[in-house]
PDB file of N, CA and C in Angstrom:
ATOM      1  N   MET A   1       0.954  -1.216   0.091  1.00  0.00           N
ATOM      2  CA  MET A   1      -0.039  -0.077   0.183  1.00  0.00           C
ATOM      3  C   MET A   1       0.901   1.464  -0.019  1.00  0.00           C
ATOM      4  N   PRO A   2       0.566   2.262  -0.961  1.00  0.00           N
ATOM      5  CA  PRO A   2       1.303   3.594  -1.190  1.00  0.00           C
ATOM      6  C   PRO A   2       1.165   4.245   0.097  1.00  0.00           C
ATOM      7  N   TRP A   3       2.241   5.024   0.519  1.00  0.00           N
ATOM      8  CA  TRP A   3       2.145   6.111   1.395  1.00  0.00           C
ATOM      9  C   TRP A   3       2.182   7.602   1.115  1.00  0.00           C
ATOM     10  N   LEU A   4       1.818   8.187   2.099  1.00  0.00           N
ATOM     11  CA  LEU A   4       1.844   9.796   1.898  1.00  0.00           C
ATOM     12  C   LEU A   4       2.314  10.658   2.930  1.00  0.00           C
ATOM     13  N   MET A   5       3.602  11.378   2.619  1.00  0.00           N
ATOM     14  CA  MET A   5       4.294  12.162   3.248  1.00  0.00           C
ATOM     15  C   MET A   5       3.878  13.521   3.056  1.00  0.00           C
ATOM     16  N   ILE A   6       3.615  14.497   3.872  1.00  0.00           N
ATOM     17  CA  ILE A   6       3.411  15.757   3.763  1.00  0.00           C
ATOM     18  C   ILE A   6       4.467  16.627   4.387  1.00  0.00           C
ATOM     19  N   ILE A   7       5.171  17.133   3.501  1.00  0.00           N
ATOM     20  CA  ILE A   7       6.063  18.309   4.012  1.00  0.00           C
ATOM     21  C   ILE A   7       5.527  19.843   4.057  1.00  0.00           C
ATOM     22  N   ASN A   8       5.031  20.462   5.078  1.00  0.00           N
ATOM     23  CA  ASN A   8       4.149  21.501   5.082  1.00  0.00           C
ATOM     24  C   ASN A   8       5.153  22.740   5.309  1.00  0.00           C
ATOM     25  N   ASN A   9       5.043  24.060   4.526  1.00  0.00           N
ATOM     26  CA  ASN A   9       5.354  25.141   4.791  1.00  0.00           C
ATOM     27  C   ASN A   9       6.978  25.392   4.355  1.00  0.00           C
ATOM     28  N   VAL A  10       7.437  24.792   3.411  1.00  0.00           N
ATOM     29  CA  VAL A  10       8.508  24.850   2.690  1.00  0.00           C
ATOM     30  C   VAL A  10       8.796  26.101   2.236  1.00  0.00           C
ATOM     31  N   ASN A  11       8.989  27.317   3.098  1.00  0.00           N
ATOM     32  CA  ASN A  11       8.776  28.544   2.562  1.00  0.00           C
ATOM     33  C   ASN A  11       9.971  29.188   2.146  1.00  0.00           C
ATOM     34  N   ASP A  12      11.044  28.534   2.862  1.00  0.00           N
ATOM     35  CA  ASP A  12      12.728  29.092   2.944  1.00  0.00           C
ATOM     36  C   ASP A  12      13.675  28.471   2.231  1.00  0.00           C
ATOM     37  N   ALA A  13      14.007  28.646   0.998  1.00  0.00           N
ATOM     38  CA  ALA A  13      14.856  27.718   0.342  1.00  0.00           C
ATOM     39  C   ALA A  13      16.124  27.640   1.066  1.00  0.00           C
ATOM     40  N   LYS A  14      16.842  28.718   1.878  1.00  0.00           N
ATOM     41  CA  LYS A  14      17.968  28.489   2.236  1.00  0.00           C
ATOM     42  C   LYS A  14      17.645  27.356   3.555  1.00  0.00           C
ATOM     43  N   GLU A  15      16.874  27.459   4.018  1.00  0.00           N
ATOM     44  CA  GLU A  15      16.461  26.305   5.321  1.00  0.00           C
ATOM     45  C   GLU A  15      16.293  24.940   4.607  1.00  0.00           C
ATOM     46  N   PHE A  16      15.822  24.796   3.665  1.00  0.00           N
ATOM     47  CA  PHE A  16      15.658  23.489   3.269  1.00  0.00           C
ATOM     48  C   PHE A  16      16.469  22.717   2.369  1.00  0.00           C
ATOM     49  N   PHE A  17      17.286  23.567   1.729  1.00  0.00           N
ATOM     50  CA  PHE A  17      18.414  23.069   0.717  1.00  0.00           C
ATOM     51  C   PHE A  17      19.656  23.170   1.134  1.00  0.00           C
ATOM     52  N   GLN A  18      20.107  24.182   2.221  1.00  0.00           N
ATOM     53  CA  GLN A  18      21.518  24.362   2.444  1.00  0.00           C
ATOM     54  C   GLN A  18      21.805  23.429   3.570  1.00  0.00           C
ATOM     55  N   GLU A  19      23.068  22.982   3.309  1.00  0.00           N
ATOM     56  CA  GLU A  19      23.570  22.013   4.383  1.00  0.00           C
ATOM     57  C   GLU A  19      23.461  22.400   5.803  1.00  0.00           C
ATOM     58  N   THR A  20      23.058  21.376   6.806  1.00  0.00           N
ATOM     59  CA  THR A  20      22.938  21.596   8.063  1.00  0.00           C
ATOM     60  C   THR A  20      24.123  21.271   8.945  1.00  0.00           C
ATOM     61  N   HIS A  21      24.264  21.132  10.186  1.00  0.00           N
ATOM     62  CA  HIS A  21      25.585  20.885  11.124  1.00  0.00           C
ATOM     63  C   HIS A  21      25.919  19.649  10.699  1.00  0.00           C
ATOM     64  N   THR A  22      24.850  18.440   9.971  1.00  0.00           N
ATOM     65  CA  THR A  22      25.341  17.283   9.722  1.00  0.00           C
ATOM     66  C   THR A  22      26.116  16.703   8.542  1.00  0.00           C
ATOM     67  N   GLY A  23      26.138  17.986   7.845  1.00  0.00           N
ATOM     68  CA  GLY A  23      26.760  18.017   6.295  1.00  0.00           C
ATOM     69  C   GLY A  23      25.547  17.767   5.225  1.00  0.00           C
ATOM     70  N   LYS A  24      24.398  17.641   5.459  1.00  0.00           N
ATOM     71  CA  LYS A  24      23.353  17.578   4.611  1.00  0.00           C
ATOM     72  C   LYS A  24      22.330  18.390   4.730  1.00  0.00           C
ATOM     73  N   SER A  25      21.670  18.662   3.495  1.00  0.00           N
ATOM     74  CA  SER A  25      20.529  19.463   3.631  1.00  0.00           C
ATOM     75  C   SER A  25      19.364  18.889   3.926  1.00  0.00           C
ATOM     76  N   LEU A  26      18.152  19.171   4.648  1.00  0.00           N
ATOM     77  CA  LEU A  26      16.982  18.851   4.922  1.00  0.00           C
ATOM     78  C   LEU A  26      16.491  17.844   4.031  1.00  0.00           C
ATOM     79  N   ARG A  27      16.622  18.492   2.689  1.00  0.00           N
ATOM     80  CA  ARG A  27      16.268  18.038   1.374  1.00  0.00           C
ATOM     81  C   ARG A  27      16.506  16.308   1.018  1.00  0.00           C
ATOM     82  N   GLU A  28      17.781  16.232   1.547  1.00  0.00           N
ATOM     83  CA  GLU A  28      18.587  15.075   1.374  1.00  0.00           C
ATOM     84  C   GLU A  28      17.851  13.912   2.281  1.00  0.00           C
ATOM     85  N   TYR A  29      17.216  14.438   3.421  1.00  0.00           N
ATOM     86  CA  TYR A  29      16.300  13.374   4.105  1.00  0.00           C
ATOM     87  C   TYR A  29      15.183  12.964   3.655  1.00  0.00           C
ATOM     88  N   VAL A  30      14.544  13.153   2.626  1.00  0.00           N
ATOM     89  CA  VAL A  30      13.341  13.197   2.201  1.00  0.00           C
ATOM     90  C   VAL A  30      13.583  11.833   1.058  1.00  0.00           C
ATOM     91  N   PRO A  31      12.498  10.796   1.399  1.00  0.00           N
ATOM     92  CA  PRO A  31      12.950   9.419   0.556  1.00  0.00           C
ATOM     93  C   PRO A  31      12.595   9.667  -0.654  1.00  0.00           C
ATOM     94  N   GLU A  32      13.343   8.928  -1.792  1.00  0.00           N
ATOM     95  CA  GLU A  32      12.981   8.925  -3.260  1.00  0.00           C
ATOM     96  C   GLU A  32      12.876   7.326  -3.346  1.00  0.00           C
ATOM     97  N   THR A  33      11.315   7.340  -3.834  1.00  0.00           N
ATOM     98  CA  THR A  33      11.002   6.119  -3.928  1.00  0.00           C
ATOM     99  C   THR A  33       9.485   5.943  -4.694  1.00  0.00           C
ATOM    100  N   SER A  34       9.169   4.920  -5.336  1.00  0.00           N
ATOM    101  CA  SER A  34       8.156   4.666  -6.080  1.00  0.00           C
ATOM    102  C   SER A  34       7.016   4.365  -5.074  1.00  0.00           C
ATOM    103  N   ASN A  35       7.304   3.652  -4.127  1.00  0.00           N
ATOM    104  CA  ASN A  35       6.327   3.056  -2.995  1.00  0.00           C
ATOM    105  C   ASN A  35       5.269   4.281  -2.592  1.00  0.00           C
ATOM    106  N   GLY A  36       5.423   5.663  -2.531  1.00  0.00           N
ATOM    107  CA  GLY A  36       4.452   6.527  -2.015  1.00  0.00           C
ATOM    108  C   GLY A  36       4.470   7.921  -2.758  1.00  0.00           C
ATOM    109  N   TYR A  37       3.904   8.760  -1.901  1.00  0.00           N
ATOM    110  CA  TYR A  37       3.846  10.233  -2.466  1.00  0.00           C
ATOM    111  C   TYR A  37       4.458  11.222  -1.443  1.00  0.00           C
ATOM    112  N   ILE A  38       5.051  12.256  -2.079  1.00  0.00           N
ATOM    113  CA  ILE A  38       5.312  13.227  -1.120  1.00  0.00           C
ATOM    114  C   ILE A  38       4.360  14.374  -1.309  1.00  0.00           C
ATOM    115  N   LEU A  39       3.785  15.126  -0.671  1.00  0.00           N
ATOM    116  CA  LEU A  39       3.424  16.380  -1.037  1.00  0.00           C
ATOM    117  C   LEU A  39       3.883  17.817  -0.054  1.00  0.00           C
ATOM    118  N   TYR A  40       4.664  18.693  -1.076  1.00  0.00           N
ATOM    119  CA  TYR A  40       5.292  19.638  -0.297  1.00  0.00           C
ATOM    120  C   TYR A  40       4.067  20.820  -0.466  1.00  0.00           C
ATOM    121  N   THR A  41       4.197  21.580   0.501  1.00  0.00           N
ATOM    122  CA  THR A  41       3.371  22.878   0.285  1.00  0.00           C
ATOM    123  C   THR A  41       4.449  24.110   0.792  1.00  0.00           C
ATOM    124  N   THR A  42       4.200  25.237  -0.054  1.00  0.00           N
ATOM    125  CA  THR A  42       5.045  26.360  -0.061  1.00  0.00           C
ATOM    126  C   THR A  42       4.231  27.604  -0.650  1.00  0.00           C
ATOM    127  N   ARG A  43       4.625  28.726   0.071  1.00  0.00           N
ATOM    128  CA  ARG A  43       4.006  29.809  -0.612  1.00  0.00           C
ATOM    129  C   ARG A  43       4.906  30.386  -1.712  1.00  0.00           C
ATOM    130  N   SER A  44       5.861  29.824  -2.238  1.00  0.00           N
ATOM    131  CA  SER A  44       7.124  30.229  -3.209  1.00  0.00           C
ATOM    132  C   SER A  44       6.837  29.177  -4.502  1.00  0.00           C
ATOM    133  N   ARG A  45       6.451  30.155  -5.482  1.00  0.00           N
ATOM    134  CA  ARG A  45       6.297  29.469  -6.919  1.00  0.00           C
ATOM    135  C   ARG A  45       7.815  28.857  -7.060  1.00  0.00           C
ATOM    136  N   ASP A  46       8.826  29.447  -6.800  1.00  0.00           N
ATOM    137  CA  ASP A  46      10.225  29.186  -7.437  1.00  0.00           C
ATOM    138  C   ASP A  46      10.542  27.776  -6.544  1.00  0.00           C
ATOM    139  N   ILE A  47      10.431  27.726  -4.963  1.00  0.00           N
ATOM    140  CA  ILE A  47      10.687  26.642  -4.183  1.00  0.00           C
ATOM    141  C   ILE A  47       9.824  25.527  -4.759  1.00  0.00           C
ATOM    142  N   GLY A  48       8.541  25.669  -5.251  1.00  0.00           N
ATOM    143  CA  GLY A  48       7.730  24.754  -5.667  1.00  0.00           C
ATOM    144  C   GLY A  48       8.359  24.118  -7.026  1.00  0.00           C
ATOM    145  N   TRP A  49       8.866  24.929  -8.035  1.00  0.00           N
ATOM    146  CA  TRP A  49       9.611  24.339  -9.256  1.00  0.00           C
ATOM    147  C   TRP A  49      10.619  23.613  -8.776  1.00  0.00           C
ATOM    148  N   ASP A  50      11.550  24.101  -7.740  1.00  0.00           N
ATOM    149  CA  ASP A  50      12.906  23.325  -7.543  1.00  0.00           C
ATOM    150  C   ASP A  50      12.545  21.972  -6.670  1.00  0.00           C
ATOM    151  N   LEU A  51      11.520  21.803  -6.152  1.00  0.00           N
ATOM    152  CA  LEU A  51      10.999  20.628  -5.782  1.00  0.00           C
ATOM    153  C   LEU A  51      10.343  19.401  -6.336  1.00  0.00           C
ATOM    154  N   THR A  52       9.545  20.059  -7.554  1.00  0.00           N
ATOM    155  CA  THR A  52       8.847  19.243  -8.241  1.00  0.00           C
ATOM    156  C   THR A  52       8.527  19.793  -9.525  1.00  0.00           C
ATOM    157  N   GLU A  53       8.643  18.998 -10.668  1.00  0.00           N
ATOM    158  CA  GLU A  53       8.206  19.563 -12.051  1.00  0.00           C
ATOM    159  C   GLU A  53       6.697  19.516 -12.145  1.00  0.00           C
ATOM    160  N   ASP A  54       6.107  18.864 -11.189  1.00  0.00           N
ATOM    161  CA  ASP A  54       4.399  18.875 -10.962  1.00  0.00           C
ATOM    162  C   ASP A  54       3.855  19.768 -10.286  1.00  0.00           C
ATOM    163  N   SER A  55       4.441  20.957 -10.198  1.00  0.00           N
ATOM    164  CA  SER A  55       4.003  21.842  -9.179  1.00  0.00           C
ATOM    165  C   SER A  55       2.690  22.344  -9.758  1.00  0.00           C
ATOM    166  N   ILE A  56       1.654  22.777  -8.935  1.00  0.00           N
ATOM    167  CA  ILE A  56       0.373  23.053  -9.230  1.00  0.00           C
ATOM    168  C   ILE A  56       0.061  24.197  -8.098  1.00  0.00           C
ATOM    169  N   ASP A  57      -0.588  25.376  -8.649  1.00  0.00           N
ATOM    170  CA  ASP A  57      -1.097  26.501  -7.999  1.00  0.00           C
ATOM    171  C   ASP A  57      -2.497  26.194  -7.281  1.00  0.00           C
ATOM    172  N   VAL A  58      -2.540  26.126  -6.081  1.00  0.00           N
ATOM    173  CA  VAL A  58      -3.879  25.829  -5.388  1.00  0.00           C
ATOM    174  C   VAL A  58      -4.420  27.090  -4.633  1.00  0.00           C
ATOM    175  N   PRO A  59      -5.508  27.640  -5.170  1.00  0.00           N
ATOM    176  CA  PRO A  59      -6.249  28.666  -4.616  1.00  0.00           C
ATOM    177  C   PRO A  59      -6.771  28.097  -2.915  1.00  0.00           C
ATOM    178  N   PHE A  60      -7.359  29.183  -2.374  1.00  0.00           N
ATOM    179  CA  PHE A  60      -7.816  28.790  -1.022  1.00  0.00           C
ATOM    180  C   PHE A  60      -9.181  27.965  -1.438  1.00  0.00           C
ATOM    181  N   MET A  61      -9.238  26.645  -0.590  1.00  0.00           N
ATOM    182  CA  MET A  61     -10.514  25.975  -0.765  1.00  0.00           C
ATOM    183  C   MET A  61     -10.984  25.391   0.327  1.00  0.00           C
ATOM    184  N   THR A  62     -11.929  24.749   0.393  1.00  0.00           N
ATOM    185  CA  THR A  62     -12.837  24.033   1.822  1.00  0.00           C
ATOM    186  C   THR A  62     -11.884  22.635   1.859  1.00  0.00           C
ATOM    187  N   HIS A  63     -12.341  22.104   3.188  1.00  0.00           N
ATOM    188  CA  HIS A  63     -11.592  20.685   3.160  1.00  0.00           C
ATOM    189  C   HIS A  63     -12.159  19.862   2.378  1.00  0.00           C
ATOM    190  N   GLU A  64     -13.423  19.922   1.950  1.00  0.00           N
ATOM    191  CA  GLU A  64     -14.030  18.707   0.960  1.00  0.00           C
ATOM    192  C   GLU A  64     -13.279  19.129  -0.629  1.00  0.00           C
ATOM    193  N   GLU A  65     -12.989  20.318  -0.989  1.00  0.00           N
ATOM    194  CA  GLU A  65     -12.302  20.494  -2.300  1.00  0.00           C
ATOM    195  C   GLU A  65     -10.931  20.100  -2.077  1.00  0.00           C
ATOM    196  N   ALA A  66     -10.208  20.427  -0.974  1.00  0.00           N
ATOM    197  CA  ALA A  66      -8.942  19.886  -0.713  1.00  0.00           C
ATOM    198  C   ALA A  66      -8.820  18.307  -0.939  1.00  0.00           C
ATOM    199  N   GLY A  67      -9.951  17.502  -0.276  1.00  0.00           N
ATOM    200  CA  GLY A  67      -9.753  16.161  -0.379  1.00  0.00           C
ATOM    201  C   GLY A  67     -10.029  15.555  -1.730  1.00  0.00           C
ATOM    202  N   ILE A  68     -10.935  16.207  -2.494  1.00  0.00           N
ATOM    203  CA  ILE A  68     -11.174  15.948  -3.941  1.00  0.00           C
ATOM    204  C   ILE A  68      -9.688  16.253  -4.813  1.00  0.00           C
ATOM    205  N   LEU A  69      -9.161  17.480  -4.422  1.00  0.00           N
ATOM    206  CA  LEU A  69      -7.873  17.415  -5.283  1.00  0.00           C
ATOM    207  C   LEU A  69      -6.869  16.486  -5.016  1.00  0.00           C
ATOM    208  N   LEU A  70      -6.584  16.238  -3.654  1.00  0.00           N
ATOM    209  CA  LEU A  70      -5.721  15.305  -3.261  1.00  0.00           C
ATOM    210  C   LEU A  70      -5.717  14.001  -3.875  1.00  0.00           C
ATOM    211  N   ASN A  71      -7.203  13.552  -3.888  1.00  0.00           N
ATOM    212  CA  ASN A  71      -7.767  11.958  -4.437  1.00  0.00           C
ATOM    213  C   ASN A  71      -7.507  12.007  -5.884  1.00  0.00           C
ATOM    214  N   ALA A  72      -7.355  13.141  -6.487  1.00  0.00           N
ATOM    215  CA  ALA A  72      -7.246  13.256  -8.086  1.00  0.00           C
ATOM    216  C   ALA A  72      -6.066  13.392  -8.310  1.00  0.00           C
ATOM    217  N   LYS A  73      -5.035  13.676  -7.519  1.00  0.00           N
ATOM    218  CA  LYS A  73      -3.589  13.903  -7.790  1.00  0.00           C
ATOM    219  C   LYS A  73      -2.861  12.283  -7.405  1.00  0.00           C
ATOM    220  N   ILE A  74      -3.527  11.845  -6.373  1.00  0.00           N
ATOM    221  CA  ILE A  74      -2.770  10.458  -5.990  1.00  0.00           C
ATOM    222  C   ILE A  74      -3.482   9.197  -6.235  1.00  0.00           C
ATOM    223  N   GLY A  75      -4.755   9.443  -6.723  1.00  0.00           N
ATOM    224  CA  GLY A  75      -5.721   8.298  -7.183  1.00  0.00           C
ATOM    225  C   GLY A  75      -6.087   7.536  -6.131  1.00  0.00           C
TER     226      GLY A  75
END
């Protein structure tokens, strides 16, 4: 069964992509696998494009509308 990881509020590129005290960026800890889905939320269009080529702009919506959109994207 596929899993879903939501990484919320990736709004600071420096914080997410720059190396930390471990020598890795936070981005490097995100799994790369075909067994699940990763949903990033950000207010920055540039960061959205840096994270994924399947970036979509989402206007304010109700919980029901958000559920419909999520279901349509992950099936």
